[in-house]
Amino acid sequence: MKNIKAIIFDLGAVILNINYQNTIDEFSKLGVKNASSFYSKKVQANLFNQIETGDITTEKFLTKLQKETNNASINQVSEAWNSMLLDLPENRLAVIQYLKKEYSIYLLSNTNAIHIDALKKKIGNIKWEKFCNLFDKMYLSHKVGLRKPNAGIFEYILREQNLKPEEVFFIDDSPEHIEDANKLGIKTHHLKSGEEIATLFPDRAQ
């Protein structure tokens, strides 16, 4: 971590536990054809890119998604979309809190207003506020209008925070996102399935 001034964390599968298969299964139950090719961690229809960059409203997204089902209600569609969201482990939050003593901390997530609202409701306002306060700034794709792996979103953060690429450590579970950050000179770590962010910082708070 020599010369590192800032750490950027991904959200899903890095801090927040998620299960894409839950949503795929729920889509299938609602009648979405070929749900696993319609949406997955690696492959997704353009509709999902649009909601993650704020190019489509929540209402239009859910209405278009509804048309892929067998007459499911908007509420059923929303619940299926949110079913991938699991828990927010306290030990991970403790690690980030500890790192704040030495580094600037940022969140960079490909996400959408529906998931953020669902997460707030799931963990409650107090825990959500505590979570937000862990970061010097949260960069959410639907707010910024850019999503990973677009180099523009990394360049946006570097420019806004006046950081050089070599001063930044980026942690993400997607090899594609890691690869594009590396091309800019950002130091990275690909967090593999089953790996915890705590293992990257052995001197963390216990």
Foldseek 3Di string as FASTA:
>chain_A
DPLAAEEEEEPDPAQWDFDQVQLLVLLVVQPQPPSCQCDDPVHHDVLLVCQLLQVDDPVVSLVVSCVRGDNDDSVSNLCSVQRGTDGGDPVQLQQLQQCVVGHAYEYAYRDHPSNVVVVCVVVDVVVVVSSCVSHPYYHGNNVVSDHPPPVVVVVVVCVVVVHQQCNYEYEEQDPRSVVSSVVSVHHYDHAHPPRHPCVVPVVGDD
